[in-house]
């Protein structure tokens, strides 16, 4: 037997049969628990399920960062929900080829009002290394010159990502990422954002492009 606990101060939560009541961020929500599937999903349903898995794998390296730095809560949509929405929209399903295709230029890992990066170049100057350069656009605002670079790297056609926090200040204008030897000969996609020294403000992340790792 299910039980629902009712409290004027604490809200309502609990379950009766398939009806679930929960208090989410001060909002009382009632849901019907889905029935267990008894038949195999269709091809399209399986693609949708796989897209969710791919997105969960992609965000894993920067999930904690996105939970704090992907915009602001909108109603019941948390920063994490907003970050996942960005992935779900841009991991496109191609029903003709039964494949899931990430639209890398449209993906992002942060949303904020801090001064955005001005990227210059990405290259692979040595074995298993990627060099990123950007312009110090802090101008006369000295606080912005010490903002810290946040870098996301994704190997093409793989869902796992590598996230590097606070690796260089804005005024250094460059950083070299040393990648695992297994990335040699593969194409990687790179994004850059900045976060202030107090770790309270962040810029929008910018897609820098892709490079073949030597």
N, C-alpha and C. Protein backbone atom coordinates (compact mmCIF):
# COMPACT_ATOMS: atom_id res chain seq x y z
N UNK A 1 0.85 -1.19 0.00
CA UNK A 1 0.00 0.00 0.00
C UNK A 1 0.88 1.24 0.00
N UNK A 2 0.54 2.21 -0.80
CA UNK A 2 1.28 3.45 -0.83
C UNK A 2 0.84 4.39 0.26
N UNK A 3 1.61 5.42 0.48
CA UNK A 3 1.31 6.38 1.53
C UNK A 3 1.68 7.78 1.08
N UNK A 4 0.81 8.73 1.32
CA UNK A 4 1.08 10.13 1.02
C UNK A 4 1.14 10.91 2.33
N UNK A 5 2.20 11.64 2.55
CA UNK A 5 2.36 12.47 3.73
C UNK A 5 2.01 13.90 3.38
N UNK A 6 1.08 14.49 4.11
CA UNK A 6 0.63 15.85 3.82
C UNK A 6 1.06 16.78 4.94
N UNK A 7 1.69 17.90 4.57
CA UNK A 7 2.12 18.87 5.57
C UNK A 7 2.02 20.26 4.97
N UNK A 8 1.42 21.19 5.73
CA UNK A 8 1.29 22.55 5.23
C UNK A 8 2.65 23.22 5.08
N UNK A 9 3.62 22.79 5.88
CA UNK A 9 4.96 23.39 5.81
C UNK A 9 5.88 22.62 4.88
N UNK A 10 5.78 21.32 4.91
CA UNK A 10 6.73 20.51 4.17
C UNK A 10 6.26 20.10 2.80
N UNK A 11 5.00 20.40 2.46
CA UNK A 11 4.50 19.98 1.16
C UNK A 11 4.03 18.54 1.20
N UNK A 12 3.73 18.01 0.03
CA UNK A 12 3.20 16.66 -0.07
C UNK A 12 4.18 15.79 -0.82
N UNK A 13 4.36 14.56 -0.35
CA UNK A 13 5.19 13.62 -1.06
C UNK A 13 4.73 12.21 -0.73
N UNK A 14 5.00 11.29 -1.64
CA UNK A 14 4.61 9.91 -1.40
C UNK A 14 4.04 9.27 -2.65
N UNK A 15 3.51 8.07 -2.48
CA UNK A 15 3.00 7.31 -3.64
C UNK A 15 1.80 6.48 -3.22
N UNK A 16 0.81 6.47 -4.07
CA UNK A 16 -0.34 5.59 -3.91
C UNK A 16 -0.60 4.93 -5.25
N UNK A 17 -0.41 3.62 -5.31
CA UNK A 17 -0.56 2.92 -6.58
C UNK A 17 0.44 3.44 -7.58
N UNK A 18 -0.04 3.89 -8.75
CA UNK A 18 0.83 4.44 -9.78
C UNK A 18 0.92 5.96 -9.70
N UNK A 19 0.22 6.57 -8.73
CA UNK A 19 0.24 8.02 -8.58
C UNK A 19 1.38 8.40 -7.64
N UNK A 20 2.28 9.24 -8.13
CA UNK A 20 3.42 9.71 -7.34
C UNK A 20 3.28 11.21 -7.13
N UNK A 21 3.39 11.65 -5.87
CA UNK A 21 3.33 13.07 -5.54
C UNK A 21 4.68 13.48 -4.96
N UNK A 22 5.25 14.56 -5.47
CA UNK A 22 6.55 15.03 -4.99
C UNK A 22 6.58 16.53 -4.93
N UNK A 23 7.42 17.05 -4.03
CA UNK A 23 7.63 18.48 -3.94
C UNK A 23 8.98 18.78 -4.55
N UNK A 24 8.98 19.47 -5.70
CA UNK A 24 10.21 19.76 -6.43
C UNK A 24 10.42 21.26 -6.47
N UNK A 25 11.45 21.71 -5.73
CA UNK A 25 11.78 23.14 -5.66
C UNK A 25 10.56 23.99 -5.31
N UNK A 26 9.78 23.49 -4.35
CA UNK A 26 8.63 24.24 -3.89
C UNK A 26 7.38 24.05 -4.73
N UNK A 27 7.46 23.28 -5.79
CA UNK A 27 6.30 23.00 -6.64
C UNK A 27 5.82 21.58 -6.41
N UNK A 28 4.53 21.44 -6.16
CA UNK A 28 3.94 20.13 -5.93
C UNK A 28 3.60 19.48 -7.27
N UNK A 29 4.17 18.31 -7.50
CA UNK A 29 4.03 17.64 -8.79
C UNK A 29 3.36 16.27 -8.59
N UNK A 30 2.42 15.98 -9.45
CA UNK A 30 1.78 14.66 -9.45
C UNK A 30 2.07 13.97 -10.77
N UNK A 31 2.57 12.75 -10.69
CA UNK A 31 2.90 12.00 -11.90
C UNK A 31 2.28 10.62 -11.82
N UNK A 32 2.14 10.01 -12.99
CA UNK A 32 1.73 8.61 -13.07
C UNK A 32 2.97 7.79 -13.41
N UNK A 33 3.29 6.82 -12.58
CA UNK A 33 4.46 5.99 -12.84
C UNK A 33 4.25 5.21 -14.13
N UNK A 34 5.25 5.21 -15.03
CA UNK A 34 5.09 4.46 -16.29
C UNK A 34 5.04 2.96 -16.05
N UNK A 35 4.29 2.29 -16.89
CA UNK A 35 4.24 0.83 -16.80
C UNK A 35 5.52 0.24 -17.37
N UNK A 36 5.90 -0.90 -16.85
CA UNK A 36 7.06 -1.59 -17.37
C UNK A 36 6.78 -2.07 -18.79
N UNK A 37 7.78 -1.89 -19.67
CA UNK A 37 7.61 -2.32 -21.06
C UNK A 37 7.59 -3.84 -21.14
N UNK A 38 6.68 -4.32 -21.92
CA UNK A 38 6.58 -5.77 -22.11
C UNK A 38 6.98 -6.19 -23.51
N UNK A 39 7.23 -5.22 -24.37
CA UNK A 39 7.63 -5.55 -25.74
C UNK A 39 8.86 -4.75 -26.12
N UNK A 40 9.57 -5.23 -27.09
CA UNK A 40 10.81 -4.60 -27.53
C UNK A 40 10.50 -3.23 -28.14
N UNK A 41 11.32 -2.19 -27.82
CA UNK A 41 11.07 -0.86 -28.39
C UNK A 41 11.26 -0.87 -29.90
N UNK A 42 10.55 0.05 -30.56
CA UNK A 42 10.71 0.19 -32.00
C UNK A 42 12.09 0.78 -32.29
N UNK A 43 12.45 0.80 -33.57
CA UNK A 43 13.75 1.36 -33.95
C UNK A 43 13.86 2.82 -33.54
N UNK A 44 12.80 3.60 -33.78
CA UNK A 44 12.83 5.01 -33.42
C UNK A 44 12.89 5.21 -31.91
N UNK A 45 12.15 4.39 -31.16
CA UNK A 45 12.20 4.47 -29.70
C UNK A 45 13.60 4.15 -29.18
N UNK A 46 14.22 3.16 -29.81
CA UNK A 46 15.57 2.77 -29.40
C UNK A 46 16.57 3.89 -29.70
N UNK A 47 16.40 4.59 -30.83
CA UNK A 47 17.26 5.71 -31.16
C UNK A 47 17.13 6.83 -30.12
N UNK A 48 15.90 7.09 -29.70
CA UNK A 48 15.66 8.13 -28.69
C UNK A 48 16.31 7.75 -27.37
N UNK A 49 16.19 6.48 -26.99
CA UNK A 49 16.83 6.00 -25.76
C UNK A 49 18.35 6.11 -25.85
N UNK A 50 18.89 5.75 -27.00
CA UNK A 50 20.34 5.82 -27.19
C UNK A 50 20.84 7.26 -27.18
N UNK A 51 20.03 8.17 -27.72
CA UNK A 51 20.41 9.59 -27.68
C UNK A 51 20.54 10.07 -26.24
N UNK A 52 19.63 9.68 -25.40
CA UNK A 52 19.70 10.05 -23.99
C UNK A 52 20.98 9.50 -23.35
N UNK A 53 21.32 8.26 -23.68
CA UNK A 53 22.54 7.65 -23.14
C UNK A 53 23.78 8.40 -23.63
N UNK A 54 23.80 8.74 -24.93
CA UNK A 54 24.94 9.46 -25.50
C UNK A 54 25.11 10.82 -24.81
N UNK A 55 23.99 11.52 -24.60
CA UNK A 55 24.05 12.84 -23.96
C UNK A 55 24.55 12.73 -22.51
N UNK A 56 24.08 11.69 -21.80
CA UNK A 56 24.51 11.49 -20.42
C UNK A 56 26.01 11.20 -20.35
N UNK A 57 26.51 10.45 -21.33
CA UNK A 57 27.95 10.17 -21.38
C UNK A 57 28.74 11.43 -21.72
N UNK A 58 28.23 12.23 -22.66
CA UNK A 58 28.92 13.44 -23.10
C UNK A 58 29.06 14.45 -21.97
N UNK A 59 28.02 14.62 -21.18
CA UNK A 59 28.02 15.64 -20.14
C UNK A 59 28.73 15.19 -18.87
N UNK A 60 29.05 13.91 -18.77
CA UNK A 60 29.58 13.36 -17.53
C UNK A 60 30.81 14.11 -17.02
N UNK A 61 31.73 14.51 -17.90
CA UNK A 61 32.97 15.14 -17.46
C UNK A 61 32.76 16.54 -16.90
N UNK A 62 31.70 17.22 -17.35
CA UNK A 62 31.47 18.60 -16.88
C UNK A 62 30.11 18.78 -16.22
N UNK A 63 29.53 17.69 -15.77
CA UNK A 63 28.19 17.75 -15.16
C UNK A 63 28.16 18.68 -13.96
N UNK A 64 29.12 18.56 -13.04
CA UNK A 64 29.15 19.41 -11.86
C UNK A 64 29.28 20.88 -12.23
N UNK A 65 30.10 21.17 -13.24
CA UNK A 65 30.28 22.55 -13.71
C UNK A 65 28.98 23.09 -14.29
N UNK A 66 28.32 22.29 -15.14
CA UNK A 66 27.08 22.73 -15.78
C UNK A 66 25.97 22.96 -14.75
N UNK A 67 25.97 22.16 -13.68
CA UNK A 67 24.95 22.32 -12.64
C UNK A 67 25.02 23.69 -11.98
N UNK A 68 26.19 24.32 -12.01
CA UNK A 68 26.37 25.65 -11.41
C UNK A 68 26.42 26.76 -12.44
N UNK A 69 26.83 26.44 -13.67
CA UNK A 69 27.20 27.49 -14.61
C UNK A 69 26.54 27.37 -15.98
N UNK A 70 25.36 26.78 -16.05
CA UNK A 70 24.68 26.78 -17.34
C UNK A 70 23.41 27.61 -17.21
N UNK A 71 23.58 28.93 -17.30
CA UNK A 71 22.45 29.84 -17.20
C UNK A 71 21.90 29.89 -15.79
N UNK A 72 20.62 30.21 -15.67
CA UNK A 72 19.94 30.28 -14.37
C UNK A 72 18.67 29.45 -14.45
N UNK A 73 18.24 28.99 -13.28
CA UNK A 73 17.03 28.18 -13.23
C UNK A 73 15.85 28.93 -13.84
N UNK A 74 15.08 28.23 -14.68
CA UNK A 74 13.86 28.77 -15.25
C UNK A 74 12.71 27.89 -14.78
N UNK A 75 11.94 28.40 -13.81
CA UNK A 75 10.87 27.59 -13.25
C UNK A 75 11.42 26.33 -12.63
N UNK A 76 11.00 25.19 -13.15
CA UNK A 76 11.46 23.91 -12.63
C UNK A 76 12.65 23.37 -13.41
N UNK A 77 13.12 24.11 -14.40
CA UNK A 77 14.27 23.67 -15.19
C UNK A 77 15.56 24.15 -14.53
N UNK A 78 16.34 23.20 -14.02
CA UNK A 78 17.61 23.53 -13.39
C UNK A 78 18.66 23.81 -14.45
N UNK A 79 19.82 24.29 -14.01
CA UNK A 79 20.93 24.51 -14.95
C UNK A 79 21.29 23.20 -15.64
N UNK A 80 21.26 22.11 -14.90
CA UNK A 80 21.56 20.80 -15.49
C UNK A 80 20.53 20.45 -16.57
N UNK A 81 19.26 20.70 -16.30
CA UNK A 81 18.21 20.44 -17.29
C UNK A 81 18.45 21.25 -18.56
N UNK A 82 18.85 22.50 -18.39
CA UNK A 82 19.10 23.37 -19.55
C UNK A 82 20.29 22.87 -20.36
N UNK A 83 21.34 22.42 -19.65
CA UNK A 83 22.51 21.89 -20.35
C UNK A 83 22.17 20.62 -21.10
N UNK A 84 21.36 19.76 -20.49
CA UNK A 84 20.96 18.52 -21.16
C UNK A 84 20.06 18.80 -22.36
N UNK A 85 19.23 19.83 -22.24
CA UNK A 85 18.36 20.19 -23.36
C UNK A 85 19.20 20.60 -24.56
N UNK A 86 20.26 21.37 -24.31
CA UNK A 86 21.17 21.76 -25.39
C UNK A 86 21.72 20.54 -26.11
N UNK A 87 22.11 19.51 -25.34
CA UNK A 87 22.65 18.30 -25.95
C UNK A 87 21.57 17.53 -26.71
N UNK A 88 20.42 17.37 -26.09
CA UNK A 88 19.35 16.58 -26.70
C UNK A 88 18.92 17.19 -28.04
N UNK A 89 18.86 18.52 -28.10
CA UNK A 89 18.45 19.19 -29.33
C UNK A 89 19.50 19.02 -30.43
N UNK A 90 20.77 19.01 -30.03
CA UNK A 90 21.85 19.02 -31.02
C UNK A 90 22.53 17.68 -31.24
N UNK A 91 22.08 16.64 -30.55
CA UNK A 91 22.42 15.27 -30.94
C UNK A 91 21.28 14.80 -31.84
N UNK A 92 21.41 15.09 -33.12
CA UNK A 92 20.31 14.86 -34.06
C UNK A 92 20.18 13.39 -34.45
N UNK A 93 18.94 12.95 -34.52
CA UNK A 93 18.65 11.58 -34.92
C UNK A 93 18.40 11.54 -36.42
N UNK A 94 19.15 10.71 -37.12
CA UNK A 94 18.95 10.50 -38.56
C UNK A 94 18.25 9.15 -38.72
N UNK A 95 16.94 9.21 -38.94
CA UNK A 95 16.18 7.97 -39.03
C UNK A 95 16.52 7.17 -40.28
N UNK A 96 16.99 7.85 -41.32
CA UNK A 96 17.33 7.16 -42.57
C UNK A 96 18.52 6.23 -42.37
N UNK A 97 19.53 6.72 -41.64
CA UNK A 97 20.74 5.91 -41.42
C UNK A 97 20.75 5.25 -40.04
N UNK A 98 19.67 5.55 -39.27
CA UNK A 98 19.55 4.99 -37.90
C UNK A 98 20.79 5.34 -37.07
N UNK A 99 21.15 6.61 -37.12
CA UNK A 99 22.34 7.06 -36.39
C UNK A 99 22.04 8.35 -35.65
N UNK A 100 22.93 8.68 -34.70
CA UNK A 100 22.82 9.90 -33.91
C UNK A 100 24.04 10.77 -34.23
N UNK A 101 23.79 11.99 -34.71
CA UNK A 101 24.87 12.83 -35.21
C UNK A 101 24.98 14.11 -34.37
N UNK A 102 26.06 14.26 -33.59
CA UNK A 102 26.23 15.49 -32.82
C UNK A 102 26.52 16.69 -33.73
N UNK A 103 25.82 17.77 -33.51
CA UNK A 103 26.09 19.02 -34.21
C UNK A 103 27.05 19.83 -33.33
N UNK A 104 28.33 19.51 -33.44
CA UNK A 104 29.33 20.04 -32.51
C UNK A 104 29.33 21.57 -32.39
N UNK A 105 29.23 22.33 -33.48
CA UNK A 105 29.27 23.79 -33.34
C UNK A 105 28.15 24.36 -32.48
N UNK A 106 27.04 23.63 -32.35
CA UNK A 106 25.90 24.12 -31.58
C UNK A 106 25.92 23.70 -30.12
N UNK A 107 26.85 22.82 -29.76
CA UNK A 107 26.92 22.35 -28.38
C UNK A 107 27.62 23.39 -27.50
N UNK A 108 27.25 23.43 -26.23
CA UNK A 108 27.90 24.35 -25.30
C UNK A 108 27.91 23.74 -23.91
N UNK A 109 28.84 24.20 -23.07
CA UNK A 109 28.91 23.65 -21.73
C UNK A 109 28.71 24.70 -20.64
N UNK A 110 28.60 25.98 -21.02
CA UNK A 110 28.34 27.02 -20.02
C UNK A 110 27.54 28.16 -20.64
N UNK A 111 26.77 28.83 -19.79
CA UNK A 111 26.00 30.01 -20.19
C UNK A 111 26.12 31.04 -19.08
N UNK A 112 26.59 32.23 -19.44
CA UNK A 112 26.72 33.27 -18.43
C UNK A 112 27.01 34.62 -19.03
N UNK A 113 27.12 35.62 -18.16
CA UNK A 113 27.27 37.01 -18.61
C UNK A 113 28.70 37.52 -18.57
N UNK A 114 29.65 36.69 -18.16
CA UNK A 114 31.05 37.12 -18.11
C UNK A 114 31.56 37.38 -19.53
N UNK A 115 32.58 38.22 -19.65
CA UNK A 115 33.16 38.55 -20.96
C UNK A 115 33.57 37.27 -21.69
N UNK A 116 33.04 37.09 -22.89
CA UNK A 116 33.26 35.85 -23.64
C UNK A 116 34.67 35.80 -24.23
N UNK A 117 35.17 34.59 -24.51
CA UNK A 117 36.49 34.46 -25.14
C UNK A 117 36.48 34.97 -26.57
N UNK A 118 37.66 35.39 -27.03
CA UNK A 118 37.89 35.69 -28.44
C UNK A 118 38.94 34.70 -28.94
N UNK A 119 38.50 33.53 -29.40
CA UNK A 119 39.46 32.50 -29.81
C UNK A 119 40.21 32.90 -31.07
N UNK A 120 41.47 32.45 -31.16
CA UNK A 120 42.28 32.72 -32.34
C UNK A 120 42.57 31.46 -33.15
N UNK A 121 43.08 30.42 -32.50
CA UNK A 121 43.45 29.23 -33.27
C UNK A 121 43.50 28.00 -32.40
N UNK A 122 43.41 26.84 -33.04
CA UNK A 122 43.71 25.56 -32.40
C UNK A 122 44.61 24.79 -33.35
N UNK A 123 45.57 24.08 -32.77
CA UNK A 123 46.50 23.31 -33.60
C UNK A 123 47.00 22.13 -32.78
N UNK A 124 47.69 21.22 -33.46
CA UNK A 124 48.31 20.08 -32.79
C UNK A 124 49.81 20.15 -33.07
N UNK A 125 50.56 20.89 -32.24
CA UNK A 125 51.96 21.16 -32.53
C UNK A 125 52.89 19.99 -32.28
N UNK A 126 52.45 19.04 -31.47
CA UNK A 126 53.29 17.89 -31.15
C UNK A 126 52.40 16.67 -30.86
N UNK A 127 53.02 15.54 -30.69
CA UNK A 127 52.28 14.29 -30.51
C UNK A 127 51.32 14.38 -29.32
N UNK A 128 50.06 14.04 -29.60
CA UNK A 128 49.01 13.97 -28.56
C UNK A 128 48.85 15.28 -27.79
N UNK A 129 48.99 16.39 -28.48
CA UNK A 129 48.83 17.69 -27.84
C UNK A 129 47.99 18.62 -28.72
N UNK A 130 47.21 19.46 -28.06
CA UNK A 130 46.41 20.46 -28.77
C UNK A 130 46.69 21.81 -28.12
N UNK A 131 47.08 22.79 -28.95
CA UNK A 131 47.34 24.14 -28.45
C UNK A 131 46.17 25.05 -28.81
N UNK A 132 45.71 25.79 -27.83
CA UNK A 132 44.59 26.72 -28.00
C UNK A 132 45.11 28.13 -27.75
N UNK A 133 44.79 29.05 -28.65
CA UNK A 133 45.17 30.45 -28.44
C UNK A 133 43.93 31.33 -28.50
N UNK A 134 43.99 32.43 -27.74
CA UNK A 134 42.88 33.38 -27.72
C UNK A 134 43.44 34.78 -27.50
N UNK A 135 42.62 35.76 -27.72
CA UNK A 135 43.03 37.15 -27.53
C UNK A 135 42.68 37.60 -26.11
N UNK A 136 43.59 38.30 -25.47
CA UNK A 136 43.28 38.90 -24.17
C UNK A 136 42.43 40.14 -24.43
N UNK A 137 41.12 39.97 -24.28
CA UNK A 137 40.18 41.06 -24.58
C UNK A 137 39.70 41.76 -23.31
N UNK A 138 40.51 41.65 -22.23
CA UNK A 138 40.10 42.25 -20.96
C UNK A 138 40.16 43.76 -20.99
N UNK A 139 40.96 44.34 -21.90
CA UNK A 139 41.05 45.79 -22.00
C UNK A 139 41.55 46.42 -20.72
N UNK A 140 40.83 47.44 -20.24
CA UNK A 140 41.26 48.15 -19.03
C UNK A 140 40.65 47.54 -17.76
N UNK A 141 39.85 46.50 -17.93
CA UNK A 141 39.22 45.85 -16.77
C UNK A 141 40.17 44.78 -16.25
N UNK A 142 40.99 45.13 -15.27
CA UNK A 142 42.05 44.24 -14.81
C UNK A 142 41.50 42.94 -14.26
N UNK A 143 40.34 42.98 -13.62
CA UNK A 143 39.76 41.76 -13.05
C UNK A 143 39.52 40.70 -14.11
N UNK A 144 39.23 41.13 -15.32
CA UNK A 144 38.94 40.17 -16.38
C UNK A 144 40.22 39.51 -16.91
N UNK A 145 41.36 40.15 -16.74
CA UNK A 145 42.60 39.57 -17.25
C UNK A 145 42.98 38.30 -16.50
N UNK A 146 42.46 38.12 -15.28
CA UNK A 146 42.80 36.94 -14.48
C UNK A 146 41.67 35.91 -14.46
N UNK A 147 40.66 36.11 -15.32
CA UNK A 147 39.64 35.07 -15.47
C UNK A 147 40.32 33.77 -15.91
N UNK A 148 39.74 32.65 -15.51
CA UNK A 148 40.37 31.35 -15.73
C UNK A 148 39.71 30.57 -16.85
N UNK A 149 40.54 29.98 -17.71
CA UNK A 149 40.06 29.25 -18.87
C UNK A 149 39.49 27.89 -18.47
N UNK A 150 38.36 27.54 -19.09
CA UNK A 150 37.72 26.24 -18.93
C UNK A 150 37.65 25.62 -20.33
N UNK A 151 38.15 24.42 -20.49
CA UNK A 151 38.27 23.81 -21.82
C UNK A 151 37.57 22.45 -21.85
N UNK A 152 36.77 22.26 -22.89
CA UNK A 152 36.11 20.97 -23.12
C UNK A 152 36.63 20.39 -24.42
N UNK A 153 36.97 19.10 -24.40
CA UNK A 153 37.46 18.42 -25.59
C UNK A 153 36.65 17.14 -25.80
N UNK A 154 36.20 16.94 -27.03
CA UNK A 154 35.46 15.73 -27.38
C UNK A 154 36.11 15.08 -28.59
N UNK A 155 36.32 13.78 -28.52
CA UNK A 155 36.85 13.04 -29.66
C UNK A 155 35.70 12.74 -30.61
N UNK A 156 35.90 13.02 -31.87
CA UNK A 156 34.84 12.81 -32.86
C UNK A 156 34.37 11.37 -32.86
N UNK A 157 33.04 11.21 -32.92
CA UNK A 157 32.38 9.90 -32.96
C UNK A 157 32.53 9.11 -31.66
N UNK A 158 32.94 9.80 -30.58
CA UNK A 158 32.95 9.20 -29.26
C UNK A 158 32.14 10.08 -28.32
N UNK A 159 31.49 9.47 -27.33
CA UNK A 159 30.64 10.24 -26.43
C UNK A 159 31.37 10.74 -25.19
N UNK A 160 32.52 10.15 -24.90
CA UNK A 160 33.27 10.59 -23.72
C UNK A 160 33.96 11.92 -24.01
N UNK A 161 33.98 12.80 -23.01
CA UNK A 161 34.62 14.10 -23.15
C UNK A 161 35.67 14.29 -22.05
N UNK A 162 36.55 15.26 -22.25
CA UNK A 162 37.56 15.63 -21.26
C UNK A 162 37.36 17.10 -20.93
N UNK A 163 37.24 17.39 -19.63
CA UNK A 163 36.98 18.76 -19.19
C UNK A 163 38.11 19.23 -18.29
N UNK A 164 38.69 20.39 -18.61
CA UNK A 164 39.80 20.95 -17.85
C UNK A 164 39.37 22.29 -17.26
N UNK A 165 39.42 22.39 -15.93
CA UNK A 165 39.00 23.60 -15.24
C UNK A 165 40.20 24.46 -14.82
N UNK A 166 40.03 25.78 -14.93
CA UNK A 166 40.98 26.74 -14.35
C UNK A 166 42.42 26.49 -14.80
N UNK A 167 42.62 26.31 -16.10
CA UNK A 167 43.94 25.89 -16.58
C UNK A 167 44.88 27.05 -16.92
N UNK A 168 44.34 28.23 -17.21
CA UNK A 168 45.19 29.37 -17.57
C UNK A 168 44.38 30.65 -17.43
N UNK A 169 45.07 31.76 -17.18
CA UNK A 169 44.37 33.04 -17.09
C UNK A 169 44.18 33.64 -18.48
N UNK A 170 43.21 34.53 -18.56
CA UNK A 170 42.87 35.14 -19.86
C UNK A 170 44.08 35.84 -20.47
N UNK A 171 44.91 36.48 -19.64
CA UNK A 171 46.03 37.25 -20.17
C UNK A 171 47.20 36.39 -20.65
N UNK A 172 47.17 35.09 -20.41
CA UNK A 172 48.22 34.21 -20.94
C UNK A 172 48.04 33.93 -22.43
N UNK A 173 46.79 34.00 -22.89
CA UNK A 173 46.45 33.93 -24.32
C UNK A 173 46.74 32.59 -24.99
N UNK A 174 47.12 31.58 -24.24
CA UNK A 174 47.38 30.27 -24.86
C UNK A 174 47.44 29.18 -23.80
N UNK A 175 47.10 27.97 -24.23
CA UNK A 175 47.25 26.81 -23.34
C UNK A 175 47.40 25.57 -24.21
N UNK A 176 48.29 24.67 -23.79
CA UNK A 176 48.49 23.41 -24.51
C UNK A 176 47.93 22.26 -23.68
N UNK A 177 47.01 21.53 -24.28
CA UNK A 177 46.39 20.37 -23.62
C UNK A 177 47.14 19.12 -24.04
N UNK A 178 47.64 18.37 -23.07
CA UNK A 178 48.29 17.09 -23.35
C UNK A 178 47.26 15.99 -23.24
N UNK A 179 47.03 15.32 -24.35
CA UNK A 179 45.98 14.31 -24.44
C UNK A 179 46.56 12.91 -24.30
N UNK A 180 45.72 11.92 -24.00
CA UNK A 180 46.20 10.53 -23.97
C UNK A 180 46.76 10.12 -25.33
N UNK A 181 47.73 9.24 -25.33
CA UNK A 181 48.36 8.78 -26.58
C UNK A 181 47.34 8.16 -27.52
N UNK A 182 46.25 7.64 -26.97
CA UNK A 182 45.23 6.98 -27.79
C UNK A 182 44.50 7.95 -28.71
N UNK A 183 44.64 9.27 -28.47
CA UNK A 183 43.96 10.26 -29.32
C UNK A 183 44.75 10.57 -30.59
N UNK A 184 45.99 10.09 -30.67
CA UNK A 184 46.81 10.36 -31.85
C UNK A 184 46.13 9.83 -33.10
N UNK A 185 46.06 10.67 -34.13
CA UNK A 185 45.41 10.29 -35.38
C UNK A 185 43.91 10.49 -35.39
N UNK A 186 43.36 11.03 -34.30
CA UNK A 186 41.92 11.25 -34.23
C UNK A 186 41.60 12.74 -34.26
N UNK A 187 40.39 13.06 -34.69
CA UNK A 187 39.92 14.44 -34.72
C UNK A 187 39.25 14.76 -33.40
N UNK A 188 39.61 15.91 -32.81
CA UNK A 188 38.97 16.34 -31.58
C UNK A 188 38.30 17.69 -31.78
N UNK A 189 37.22 17.90 -31.04
CA UNK A 189 36.49 19.17 -31.06
C UNK A 189 36.75 19.89 -29.75
N UNK A 190 36.85 21.22 -29.82
CA UNK A 190 37.30 21.99 -28.66
C UNK A 190 36.37 23.18 -28.39
N UNK A 191 36.06 23.39 -27.09
CA UNK A 191 35.28 24.54 -26.65
C UNK A 191 36.05 25.27 -25.54
N UNK A 192 35.82 26.58 -25.43
CA UNK A 192 36.51 27.41 -24.44
C UNK A 192 35.52 28.36 -23.77
N UNK A 193 35.68 28.52 -22.45
CA UNK A 193 34.93 29.53 -21.69
C UNK A 193 35.85 30.09 -20.63
N UNK A 194 35.41 31.18 -19.98
CA UNK A 194 36.15 31.75 -18.86
C UNK A 194 35.26 31.82 -17.63
N UNK A 195 35.89 31.64 -16.46
CA UNK A 195 35.21 31.80 -15.18
C UNK A 195 36.04 32.74 -14.31
N UNK A 196 35.38 33.58 -13.52
CA UNK A 196 36.13 34.52 -12.69
C UNK A 196 36.80 33.79 -11.53
N UNK A 197 37.71 34.47 -10.86
CA UNK A 197 38.51 33.86 -9.80
C UNK A 197 37.67 33.41 -8.61
N UNK A 198 36.54 34.06 -8.39
CA UNK A 198 35.68 33.67 -7.27
C UNK A 198 34.78 32.49 -7.62
N UNK A 199 34.82 32.07 -8.88
CA UNK A 199 34.04 30.93 -9.37
C UNK A 199 32.53 31.15 -9.22
N UNK A 200 32.12 32.42 -9.39
CA UNK A 200 30.69 32.74 -9.32
C UNK A 200 30.12 33.15 -10.67
N UNK A 201 30.97 33.68 -11.55
CA UNK A 201 30.52 34.14 -12.87
C UNK A 201 31.23 33.35 -13.96
N UNK A 202 30.53 33.15 -15.06
CA UNK A 202 31.10 32.40 -16.18
C UNK A 202 30.63 33.01 -17.49
N UNK A 203 31.41 32.80 -18.54
CA UNK A 203 31.03 33.28 -19.87
C UNK A 203 30.29 32.18 -20.62
N UNK A 204 29.68 32.56 -21.71
CA UNK A 204 29.20 31.53 -22.65
C UNK A 204 30.41 30.77 -23.19
N UNK A 205 30.26 29.48 -23.35
CA UNK A 205 31.33 28.73 -23.99
C UNK A 205 31.29 28.96 -25.50
N UNK A 206 32.47 28.93 -26.10
CA UNK A 206 32.61 29.16 -27.54
C UNK A 206 33.21 27.91 -28.18
N UNK A 207 32.62 27.49 -29.29
CA UNK A 207 33.16 26.36 -30.05
C UNK A 207 34.31 26.87 -30.89
N UNK A 208 35.51 26.28 -30.69
CA UNK A 208 36.70 26.73 -31.41
C UNK A 208 36.90 26.02 -32.74
N UNK A 209 36.33 24.82 -32.88
CA UNK A 209 36.50 24.05 -34.09
C UNK A 209 37.09 22.69 -33.80
N UNK A 210 37.63 22.06 -34.81
CA UNK A 210 38.19 20.72 -34.67
C UNK A 210 39.61 20.70 -35.24
N UNK A 211 40.37 19.72 -34.78
CA UNK A 211 41.76 19.58 -35.24
C UNK A 211 42.13 18.11 -35.21
N UNK A 212 42.95 17.69 -36.17
CA UNK A 212 43.47 16.33 -36.20
C UNK A 212 44.68 16.26 -35.30
N UNK A 213 44.65 15.37 -34.30
CA UNK A 213 45.75 15.25 -33.36
C UNK A 213 46.88 14.45 -34.01
N UNK A 214 48.09 14.98 -33.93
CA UNK A 214 49.23 14.32 -34.59
C UNK A 214 49.74 13.17 -33.74
